[in-house]
Each structure stands twice: as C-alpha cells, then as structure tokens.
Amino acid sequence: MKKDPFKLAATALMSLLSLAIIISIFNPPEFKFDVNSTTHPDAKTITVSGEGTVVAKPDVAEITVSVITTAKTVDEVVSDNTEKMNSITEKMKEIGINEADIETTGYYLYPQYDYPERQSPVVTGYRLEQDLGLTIRDLDLVDNVIDWSTDLGANNVYGLNFTLDDDTEVMEEAREIAFAEAKEKAVKMAAAAGVKLGDVYTFYEYSYQPMPYYAEAGYGRGGGGGDFTTAIESGSQEYTVNVDMTYEIE
C-alpha cells in the first residue's frame, strides 16, 4: 500500500513540535542578570534622607468679612448692603490697610421665594451677600479689624489665616538643614560599610508648607451686638523640607 507523502510530512512535523515542547519543559532557557550592568546604576550607590524644619512666626493675616442683607426690592437690598460695605472699606483704609490689600471676593444677589401650596413660587424679597477679602500686614490690627467691621455691619467673618508674606528665606534655611543632615548620614554609613563616599549622583526635594492657621473668635457682633473685645493669637508655624540623596561609593 502506497503511503501519502503529505501525511508523512505532517506526522514528522508534529513529532518535532512535541520534542521541542518536552525539551523546553525539562530544560528551560537560562536568564542571566548582571547586577553591575548599566541598567542598574544604583549598584554602587547609597541613598540617604534628611529633614530640615524651621519654626517661624507669621507676619500676615488674611480674613474675609461679609455683609448679608435682605429687602423687599433689589434697589433696597443693594442700597443697604453697599452703604454698609463702603463704610467698612473706608474704615479699613483709615486704620492703615493698603488699598491693594482690600478686594471684593464675592457678590451674590438672588431672590427669595415663598412656596404656597399648589401654586407657583412667589418672590418675597431679595438677599445680597458681599464679601471683602483683607490682607492685614500689621498683626496688631487683627482684633480691631474684626471688631470694627462687625460694628459697621459685617455679619459674617471667616477664613482668618496667618501666614508668611514671603517664605523664601525660611525654606532656604530648612533646605540647608535637610541637606546637611543627609550628608552626615551618608558619611557615617560609608564609614561603617568600609567604603569611600563619592559624588552626589541624584537628589530629590519635597517640602511641606504649613497648613493655614485658622483662628476662632466671637464673630458676628454686627448681628446682635455684645460688649466684648475680640482676642486673636497668631501662633507660629513649621516649614519643613525633606531631601533624598544618592551618593556614588567606591
């Protein structure tokens, strides 16, 4: 009986594939990894970290004072609100706050409604809120700003935040401390390991700005009066810089 040459070729091919699979299972390929290769530049380095923290007293305060008024008509609510806010603004200038540090940050006018049962809403009046953002560079004025603004009609005071006007010098000082600490660690580690410390290979810095310091006080004096004086303390803040440094070693 004559054999089909195509079937013979197919059978031979399947045999070769089966043999290759068996060889790959029992003799897996060898993967080599050279730790001294250029793909691992950290093979001859050490990495250290350092932290620098500087405590500083704020020299600037930021605060928002608001006047909220209601009236039957738009003209009435705008007139009442504007008169009060203008008085506050003029007083802030009078006590020494720069005009550039006084900014209108919000102006919200909207109708107020009554909702009769099974009827369309009815406009009953209007509400106007005007916000004034203040930057106070003389911290001795903070208490007075709150008291005077509420006396003149502000009925919402919020967002009192103490900070540094320019933190450049403070952050530079913290950075120097962080790098010095990291270098000291690297020198000690190299000596303990019996290696020679080389040049800086890489470094990375990340800093932490202080969270805004929000103070609380007896706000809202304009709403109901009250015979007391606001007392605010600015406190102090920490400015932190962290660094990671990688040194070559020999």
C-alpha atoms as a PDB file:
ATOM      1  CA  MET A   1       0.000   0.000   0.000  1.00  0.00           C
ATOM      2  CA  LYS A   2       1.420   3.398  -1.043  1.00  0.00           C
ATOM      3  CA  LYS A   3       1.771   5.955   1.803  1.00  0.00           C
ATOM      4  CA  ASP A   4       0.543   9.522   1.393  1.00  0.00           C
ATOM      5  CA  PRO A   5       3.647  11.815   1.406  1.00  0.00           C
ATOM      6  CA  PHE A   6       1.626  14.719   2.857  1.00  0.00           C
ATOM      7  CA  LYS A   7       0.525  12.641   5.843  1.00  0.00           C
ATOM      8  CA  LEU A   8       4.137  11.565   6.427  1.00  0.00           C
ATOM      9  CA  ALA A   9       5.308  15.187   6.410  1.00  0.00           C
ATOM     10  CA  ALA A  10       2.564  16.252   8.823  1.00  0.00           C
ATOM     11  CA  THR A  11       3.387  13.382  11.175  1.00  0.00           C
ATOM     12  CA  ALA A  12       7.078  14.313  11.160  1.00  0.00           C
ATOM     13  CA  LEU A  13       6.276  17.971  11.897  1.00  0.00           C
ATOM     14  CA  MET A  14       4.068  17.080  14.862  1.00  0.00           C
ATOM     15  CA  SER A  15       6.816  14.858  16.239  1.00  0.00           C
ATOM     16  CA  LEU A  16       9.334  17.708  16.066  1.00  0.00           C
ATOM     17  CA  LEU A  17       6.953  20.100  17.814  1.00  0.00           C
ATOM     18  CA  SER A  18       6.295  17.609  20.596  1.00  0.00           C
ATOM     19  CA  LEU A  19      10.025  17.099  21.079  1.00  0.00           C
ATOM     20  CA  ALA A  20      10.591  20.863  21.275  1.00  0.00           C
ATOM     21  CA  ILE A  21       7.899  21.227  23.948  1.00  0.00           C
ATOM     22  CA  ILE A  22       9.413  18.412  26.023  1.00  0.00           C
ATOM     23  CA  ILE A  23      12.879  19.959  25.785  1.00  0.00           C
ATOM     24  CA  SER A  24      11.577  23.400  26.813  1.00  0.00           C
ATOM     25  CA  ILE A  25       9.848  21.912  29.874  1.00  0.00           C
ATOM     26  CA  PHE A  26      12.760  19.897  31.193  1.00  0.00           C
ATOM     27  CA  ASN A  27      15.492  22.284  30.031  1.00  0.00           C
ATOM     28  CA  PRO A  28      14.137  25.840  30.479  1.00  0.00           C
ATOM     29  CA  PRO A  29      16.184  28.693  28.999  1.00  0.00           C
ATOM     30  CA  GLU A  30      18.664  30.349  31.361  1.00  0.00           C
ATOM     31  CA  PHE A  31      18.116  34.084  32.129  1.00  0.00           C
ATOM     32  CA  LYS A  32      21.196  35.939  33.306  1.00  0.00           C
ATOM     33  CA  PHE A  33      21.174  39.324  35.020  1.00  0.00           C
ATOM     34  CA  ASP A  34      24.357  41.261  35.643  1.00  0.00           C
ATOM     35  CA  VAL A  35      23.989  43.482  38.728  1.00  0.00           C
ATOM     36  CA  ASN A  36      26.940  45.528  37.532  1.00  0.00           C
ATOM     37  CA  SER A  37      25.384  46.289  34.158  1.00  0.00           C
ATOM     38  CA  THR A  38      24.463  49.845  33.144  1.00  0.00           C
ATOM     39  CA  THR A  39      20.789  49.003  33.584  1.00  0.00           C
ATOM     40  CA  HIS A  40      21.345  49.235  37.350  1.00  0.00           C
ATOM     41  CA  PRO A  41      23.189  52.469  38.050  1.00  0.00           C
ATOM     42  CA  ASP A  42      22.413  52.148  41.781  1.00  0.00           C
ATOM     43  CA  ALA A  43      24.634  49.071  42.100  1.00  0.00           C
ATOM     44  CA  LYS A  44      27.423  51.247  43.557  1.00  0.00           C
ATOM     45  CA  THR A  45      25.466  53.910  45.371  1.00  0.00           C
ATOM     46  CA  ILE A  46      23.886  54.592  48.717  1.00  0.00           C
ATOM     47  CA  THR A  47      20.740  56.624  49.309  1.00  0.00           C
ATOM     48  CA  VAL A  48      20.057  58.708  52.399  1.00  0.00           C
ATOM     49  CA  SER A  49      17.375  61.136  53.513  1.00  0.00           C
ATOM     50  CA  GLY A  50      17.380  64.338  55.513  1.00  0.00           C
ATOM     51  CA  GLU A  51      14.807  66.662  57.013  1.00  0.00           C
ATOM     52  CA  GLY A  52      15.001  70.310  57.931  1.00  0.00           C
ATOM     53  CA  THR A  53      12.362  72.174  59.914  1.00  0.00           C
ATOM     54  CA  VAL A  54      12.262  75.866  60.763  1.00  0.00           C
ATOM     55  CA  VAL A  55       9.699  77.472  63.054  1.00  0.00           C
ATOM     56  CA  ALA A  56       8.600  80.968  62.094  1.00  0.00           C
ATOM     57  CA  LYS A  57       6.031  83.463  63.312  1.00  0.00           C
ATOM     58  CA  PRO A  58       3.516  84.624  60.684  1.00  0.00           C
ATOM     59  CA  ASP A  59       3.720  88.233  59.589  1.00  0.00           C
ATOM     60  CA  VAL A  60       0.497  88.465  57.564  1.00  0.00           C
ATOM     61  CA  ALA A  61      -3.150  87.733  58.302  1.00  0.00           C
ATOM     62  CA  GLU A  62      -5.866  87.117  55.724  1.00  0.00           C
ATOM     63  CA  ILE A  63      -9.551  87.355  56.525  1.00  0.00           C
ATOM     64  CA  THR A  64     -12.903  87.744  54.783  1.00  0.00           C
ATOM     65  CA  VAL A  65     -15.707  89.917  56.102  1.00  0.00           C
ATOM     66  CA  SER A  66     -19.196  89.724  54.626  1.00  0.00           C
ATOM     67  CA  VAL A  67     -22.278  91.870  54.696  1.00  0.00           C
ATOM     68  CA  ILE A  68     -25.542  89.973  54.202  1.00  0.00           C
ATOM     69  CA  THR A  69     -28.749  91.956  53.808  1.00  0.00           C
ATOM     70  CA  THR A  70     -32.344  91.286  52.779  1.00  0.00           C
ATOM     71  CA  ALA A  71     -35.056  93.609  51.492  1.00  0.00           C
ATOM     72  CA  LYS A  72     -38.287  93.636  49.510  1.00  0.00           C
ATOM     73  CA  THR A  73     -36.753  95.090  46.349  1.00  0.00           C
ATOM     74  CA  VAL A  74     -33.427  94.916  44.541  1.00  0.00           C
ATOM     75  CA  ASP A  75     -32.827  98.647  44.952  1.00  0.00           C
ATOM     76  CA  GLU A  76     -33.364  98.467  48.695  1.00  0.00           C
ATOM     77  CA  VAL A  77     -31.131  95.469  49.292  1.00  0.00           C
ATOM     78  CA  VAL A  78     -28.338  96.858  47.101  1.00  0.00           C
ATOM     79  CA  SER A  79     -28.505 100.284  48.741  1.00  0.00           C
ATOM     80  CA  ASP A  80     -28.422  98.904  52.288  1.00  0.00           C
ATOM     81  CA  ASN A  81     -25.624  96.429  51.568  1.00  0.00           C
ATOM     82  CA  THR A  82     -23.487  98.895  49.624  1.00  0.00           C
ATOM     83  CA  GLU A  83     -23.740 101.547  52.327  1.00  0.00           C
ATOM     84  CA  LYS A  84     -22.504  99.133  54.991  1.00  0.00           C
ATOM     85  CA  MET A  85     -19.730  97.670  52.856  1.00  0.00           C
ATOM     86  CA  ASN A  86     -18.497 101.127  51.823  1.00  0.00           C
ATOM     87  CA  SER A  87     -18.298 102.125  55.490  1.00  0.00           C
ATOM     88  CA  ILE A  88     -16.221  99.033  56.263  1.00  0.00           C
ATOM     89  CA  THR A  89     -13.933  99.624  53.300  1.00  0.00           C
ATOM     90  CA  GLU A  90     -13.286 103.243  54.244  1.00  0.00           C
ATOM     91  CA  LYS A  91     -12.598 102.263  57.853  1.00  0.00           C
ATOM     92  CA  MET A  92     -10.063  99.627  56.751  1.00  0.00           C
ATOM     93  CA  LYS A  93      -8.212 102.237  54.694  1.00  0.00           C
ATOM     94  CA  GLU A  94      -8.378 104.685  57.582  1.00  0.00           C
ATOM     95  CA  ILE A  95      -6.667 102.305  60.008  1.00  0.00           C
ATOM     96  CA  GLY A  96      -3.821 101.661  57.584  1.00  0.00           C
ATOM     97  CA  ILE A  97      -4.734  98.697  55.368  1.00  0.00           C
ATOM     98  CA  ASN A  98      -3.432  99.308  51.856  1.00  0.00           C
ATOM     99  CA  GLU A  99      -5.967  99.670  49.086  1.00  0.00           C
ATOM    100  CA  ALA A 100      -4.169  96.867  47.191  1.00  0.00           C
ATOM    101  CA  ASP A 101      -4.886  94.570  50.159  1.00  0.00           C
ATOM    102  CA  ILE A 102      -8.641  95.168  50.012  1.00  0.00           C
ATOM    103  CA  GLU A 103     -10.517  93.120  47.438  1.00  0.00           C
ATOM    104  CA  THR A 104     -14.139  92.271  46.739  1.00  0.00           C
ATOM    105  CA  THR A 105     -14.115  88.475  46.564  1.00  0.00           C
ATOM    106  CA  GLY A 106     -17.828  87.759  46.249  1.00  0.00           C
ATOM    107  CA  TYR A 107     -21.101  89.411  45.263  1.00  0.00           C
ATOM    108  CA  TYR A 108     -24.229  87.230  45.376  1.00  0.00           C
ATOM    109  CA  LEU A 109     -27.699  88.613  44.716  1.00  0.00           C
ATOM    110  CA  TYR A 110     -30.672  86.321  44.400  1.00  0.00           C
ATOM    111  CA  PRO A 111     -34.415  86.341  45.028  1.00  0.00           C
ATOM    112  CA  GLN A 112     -36.141  84.770  47.985  1.00  0.00           C
ATOM    113  CA  TYR A 113     -39.299  82.762  47.415  1.00  0.00           C
ATOM    114  CA  ASP A 114     -42.441  81.709  49.200  1.00  0.00           C
ATOM    115  CA  TYR A 115     -43.960  78.396  48.108  1.00  0.00           C
ATOM    116  CA  PRO A 116     -47.758  78.425  48.507  1.00  0.00           C
ATOM    117  CA  GLU A 117     -49.404  75.050  48.379  1.00  0.00           C
ATOM    118  CA  ARG A 118     -50.378  74.079  44.820  1.00  0.00           C
ATOM    119  CA  GLN A 119     -49.257  77.421  43.462  1.00  0.00           C
ATOM    120  CA  SER A 120     -46.236  78.768  41.645  1.00  0.00           C
ATOM    121  CA  PRO A 121     -43.411  80.175  43.792  1.00  0.00           C
ATOM    122  CA  VAL A 122     -43.762  83.828  44.718  1.00  0.00           C
ATOM    123  CA  VAL A 123     -40.837  86.236  45.044  1.00  0.00           C
ATOM    124  CA  THR A 124     -40.988  87.741  48.529  1.00  0.00           C
ATOM    125  CA  GLY A 125     -37.743  89.706  48.545  1.00  0.00           C
ATOM    126  CA  TYR A 126     -34.056  89.648  47.747  1.00  0.00           C
ATOM    127  CA  ARG A 127     -30.872  88.652  49.538  1.00  0.00           C
ATOM    128  CA  LEU A 128     -27.446  90.138  48.845  1.00  0.00           C
ATOM    129  CA  GLU A 129     -24.126  88.898  50.192  1.00  0.00           C
ATOM    130  CA  GLN A 130     -20.975  90.881  49.522  1.00  0.00           C
ATOM    131  CA  ASP A 131     -17.570  89.523  50.590  1.00  0.00           C
ATOM    132  CA  LEU A 132     -14.485  91.624  51.233  1.00  0.00           C
ATOM    133  CA  GLY A 133     -11.059  89.961  51.384  1.00  0.00           C
ATOM    134  CA  LEU A 134      -8.484  91.717  53.570  1.00  0.00           C
ATOM    135  CA  THR A 135      -4.748  91.208  53.884  1.00  0.00           C
ATOM    136  CA  ILE A 136      -3.539  92.585  57.219  1.00  0.00           C
ATOM    137  CA  ARG A 137       0.207  93.259  57.402  1.00  0.00           C
ATOM    138  CA  ASP A 138       0.153  94.705  60.910  1.00  0.00           C
ATOM    139  CA  LEU A 139      -0.960  91.793  63.089  1.00  0.00           C
ATOM    140  CA  ASP A 140      -1.768  94.147  65.954  1.00  0.00           C
ATOM    141  CA  LEU A 141      -4.736  95.308  63.866  1.00  0.00           C
ATOM    142  CA  VAL A 142      -6.406  91.900  63.512  1.00  0.00           C
ATOM    143  CA  ASP A 143      -8.566  92.213  66.622  1.00  0.00           C
ATOM    144  CA  ASN A 144      -9.672  95.703  65.650  1.00  0.00           C
ATOM    145  CA  VAL A 145     -10.442  94.730  62.067  1.00  0.00           C
ATOM    146  CA  ILE A 146     -12.898  92.112  63.309  1.00  0.00           C
ATOM    147  CA  ASP A 147     -14.480  94.405  65.874  1.00  0.00           C
ATOM    148  CA  TRP A 148     -14.765  97.457  63.640  1.00  0.00           C
ATOM    149  CA  SER A 149     -16.068  95.567  60.620  1.00  0.00           C
ATOM    150  CA  THR A 150     -18.816  93.892  62.646  1.00  0.00           C
ATOM    151  CA  ASP A 151     -19.704  97.202  64.311  1.00  0.00           C
ATOM    152  CA  LEU A 152     -20.157  98.711  60.846  1.00  0.00           C
ATOM    153  CA  GLY A 153     -22.463  95.999  59.553  1.00  0.00           C
ATOM    154  CA  ALA A 154     -20.458  92.862  58.738  1.00  0.00           C
ATOM    155  CA  ASN A 155     -22.456  89.872  59.959  1.00  0.00           C
ATOM    156  CA  ASN A 156     -20.205  87.068  58.715  1.00  0.00           C
ATOM    157  CA  VAL A 157     -16.441  86.920  59.341  1.00  0.00           C
ATOM    158  CA  TYR A 158     -14.464  83.841  58.323  1.00  0.00           C
ATOM    159  CA  GLY A 159     -11.244  82.374  56.952  1.00  0.00           C
ATOM    160  CA  LEU A 160      -8.809  84.050  59.327  1.00  0.00           C
ATOM    161  CA  ASN A 161      -5.450  82.685  58.201  1.00  0.00           C
ATOM    162  CA  PHE A 162      -1.965  83.551  59.465  1.00  0.00           C
ATOM    163  CA  THR A 163       0.982  83.041  57.149  1.00  0.00           C
ATOM    164  CA  LEU A 164       4.320  84.435  55.967  1.00  0.00           C
ATOM    165  CA  ASP A 165       4.218  87.033  53.246  1.00  0.00           C
ATOM    166  CA  ASP A 166       7.479  85.634  51.821  1.00  0.00           C
ATOM    167  CA  ASP A 167       8.723  82.215  52.980  1.00  0.00           C
ATOM    168  CA  THR A 168      11.799  82.132  50.699  1.00  0.00           C
ATOM    169  CA  GLU A 169      14.410  82.626  53.446  1.00  0.00           C
ATOM    170  CA  VAL A 170      12.690  80.211  55.810  1.00  0.00           C
ATOM    171  CA  MET A 171      12.519  77.477  53.166  1.00  0.00           C
ATOM    172  CA  GLU A 172      16.173  78.034  52.220  1.00  0.00           C
ATOM    173  CA  GLU A 173      17.196  77.594  55.852  1.00  0.00           C
ATOM    174  CA  ALA A 174      15.149  74.407  56.137  1.00  0.00           C
ATOM    175  CA  ARG A 175      16.697  73.118  52.899  1.00  0.00           C
ATOM    176  CA  GLU A 176      20.253  73.685  54.180  1.00  0.00           C
ATOM    177  CA  ILE A 177      19.443  71.764  57.352  1.00  0.00           C
ATOM    178  CA  ALA A 178      17.966  68.879  55.356  1.00  0.00           C
ATOM    179  CA  PHE A 179      20.950  68.548  53.011  1.00  0.00           C
ATOM    180  CA  ALA A 180      23.428  68.772  55.895  1.00  0.00           C
ATOM    181  CA  GLU A 181      21.602  66.001  57.762  1.00  0.00           C
ATOM    182  CA  ALA A 182      21.522  63.768  54.678  1.00  0.00           C
ATOM    183  CA  LYS A 183      25.238  64.272  54.028  1.00  0.00           C
ATOM    184  CA  GLU A 184      26.109  63.482  57.647  1.00  0.00           C
ATOM    185  CA  LYS A 185      24.157  60.226  57.391  1.00  0.00           C
ATOM    186  CA  ALA A 186      25.928  59.308  54.149  1.00  0.00           C
ATOM    187  CA  VAL A 187      29.385  59.906  55.659  1.00  0.00           C
ATOM    188  CA  LYS A 188      28.591  57.734  58.685  1.00  0.00           C
ATOM    189  CA  MET A 189      27.076  54.953  56.576  1.00  0.00           C
ATOM    190  CA  ALA A 190      30.054  54.882  54.206  1.00  0.00           C
ATOM    191  CA  ALA A 191      32.477  54.722  57.132  1.00  0.00           C
ATOM    192  CA  ALA A 192      30.514  51.909  58.764  1.00  0.00           C
ATOM    193  CA  ALA A 193      30.405  49.965  55.498  1.00  0.00           C
ATOM    194  CA  GLY A 194      34.097  50.483  54.820  1.00  0.00           C
ATOM    195  CA  VAL A 195      33.602  52.271  51.506  1.00  0.00           C
ATOM    196  CA  LYS A 196      34.610  55.663  50.208  1.00  0.00           C
ATOM    197  CA  LEU A 197      31.925  58.243  49.628  1.00  0.00           C
ATOM    198  CA  GLY A 198      31.900  59.729  46.147  1.00  0.00           C
ATOM    199  CA  ASP A 199      29.976  62.475  44.390  1.00  0.00           C
ATOM    200  CA  VAL A 200      26.253  63.123  44.652  1.00  0.00           C
ATOM    201  CA  TYR A 201      24.554  61.000  42.000  1.00  0.00           C
ATOM    202  CA  THR A 202      20.971  62.272  42.309  1.00  0.00           C
ATOM    203  CA  PHE A 203      18.858  64.151  44.819  1.00  0.00           C
ATOM    204  CA  TYR A 204      15.188  64.927  45.247  1.00  0.00           C
ATOM    205  CA  GLU A 205      13.494  67.529  47.404  1.00  0.00           C
ATOM    206  CA  TYR A 206       9.940  67.705  48.669  1.00  0.00           C
ATOM    207  CA  SER A 207       8.652  70.316  51.047  1.00  0.00           C
ATOM    208  CA  TYR A 208       5.724  70.724  53.408  1.00  0.00           C
ATOM    209  CA  GLN A 209       4.125  74.118  53.658  1.00  0.00           C
ATOM    210  CA  PRO A 210       2.277  74.678  56.920  1.00  0.00           C
ATOM    211  CA  MET A 211      -1.455  74.225  56.916  1.00  0.00           C
ATOM    212  CA  PRO A 212      -3.258  77.562  57.153  1.00  0.00           C
ATOM    213  CA  TYR A 213      -3.665  78.599  60.766  1.00  0.00           C
ATOM    214  CA  TYR A 214      -7.318  79.455  61.256  1.00  0.00           C
ATOM    215  CA  ALA A 215      -8.172  81.233  64.461  1.00  0.00           C
ATOM    216  CA  GLU A 216     -11.571  81.458  66.068  1.00  0.00           C
ATOM    217  CA  ALA A 217     -13.138  84.409  67.752  1.00  0.00           C
ATOM    218  CA  GLY A 218     -16.502  85.895  68.681  1.00  0.00           C
ATOM    219  CA  TYR A 219     -17.607  86.702  65.161  1.00  0.00           C
ATOM    220  CA  GLY A 220     -20.905  88.223  64.161  1.00  0.00           C
ATOM    221  CA  ARG A 221     -21.063  91.130  66.553  1.00  0.00           C
ATOM    222  CA  GLY A 222     -22.936  93.176  63.976  1.00  0.00           C
ATOM    223  CA  GLY A 223     -25.825  90.764  64.107  1.00  0.00           C
ATOM    224  CA  GLY A 224     -26.773  91.064  67.724  1.00  0.00           C
ATOM    225  CA  GLY A 225     -24.265  93.254  69.488  1.00  0.00           C
ATOM    226  CA  GLY A 226     -22.333  92.320  72.561  1.00  0.00           C
ATOM    227  CA  ASP A 227     -19.950  94.020  74.948  1.00  0.00           C
ATOM    228  CA  PHE A 228     -16.690  92.183  74.400  1.00  0.00           C
ATOM    229  CA  THR A 229     -13.408  92.566  72.545  1.00  0.00           C
ATOM    230  CA  THR A 230     -12.009  90.002  70.148  1.00  0.00           C
ATOM    231  CA  ALA A 231      -8.660  88.451  71.117  1.00  0.00           C
ATOM    232  CA  ILE A 232      -6.650  86.678  68.417  1.00  0.00           C
ATOM    233  CA  GLU A 233      -3.254  84.941  68.699  1.00  0.00           C
ATOM    234  CA  SER A 234      -1.205  84.310  65.542  1.00  0.00           C
ATOM    235  CA  GLY A 235       0.904  81.466  66.986  1.00  0.00           C
ATOM    236  CA  SER A 236       3.813  80.004  64.981  1.00  0.00           C
ATOM    237  CA  GLN A 237       4.223  77.636  62.041  1.00  0.00           C
ATOM    238  CA  GLU A 238       6.662  74.935  60.964  1.00  0.00           C
ATOM    239  CA  TYR A 239       8.209  74.915  57.490  1.00  0.00           C
ATOM    240  CA  THR A 240       9.734  71.566  56.520  1.00  0.00           C
ATOM    241  CA  VAL A 241      11.946  70.402  53.649  1.00  0.00           C
ATOM    242  CA  ASN A 242      12.803  66.735  53.043  1.00  0.00           C
ATOM    243  CA  VAL A 243      15.514  65.502  50.690  1.00  0.00           C
ATOM    244  CA  ASP A 244      16.576  62.133  49.323  1.00  0.00           C
ATOM    245  CA  MET A 245      20.220  61.993  48.188  1.00  0.00           C
ATOM    246  CA  THR A 246      22.040  59.255  46.345  1.00  0.00           C
ATOM    247  CA  TYR A 247      25.858  59.131  46.566  1.00  0.00           C
ATOM    248  CA  GLU A 248      28.292  57.143  44.491  1.00  0.00           C
ATOM    249  CA  ILE A 249      30.566  54.894  46.535  1.00  0.00           C
ATOM    250  CA  GLU A 250      33.981  53.428  45.779  1.00  0.00           C
END
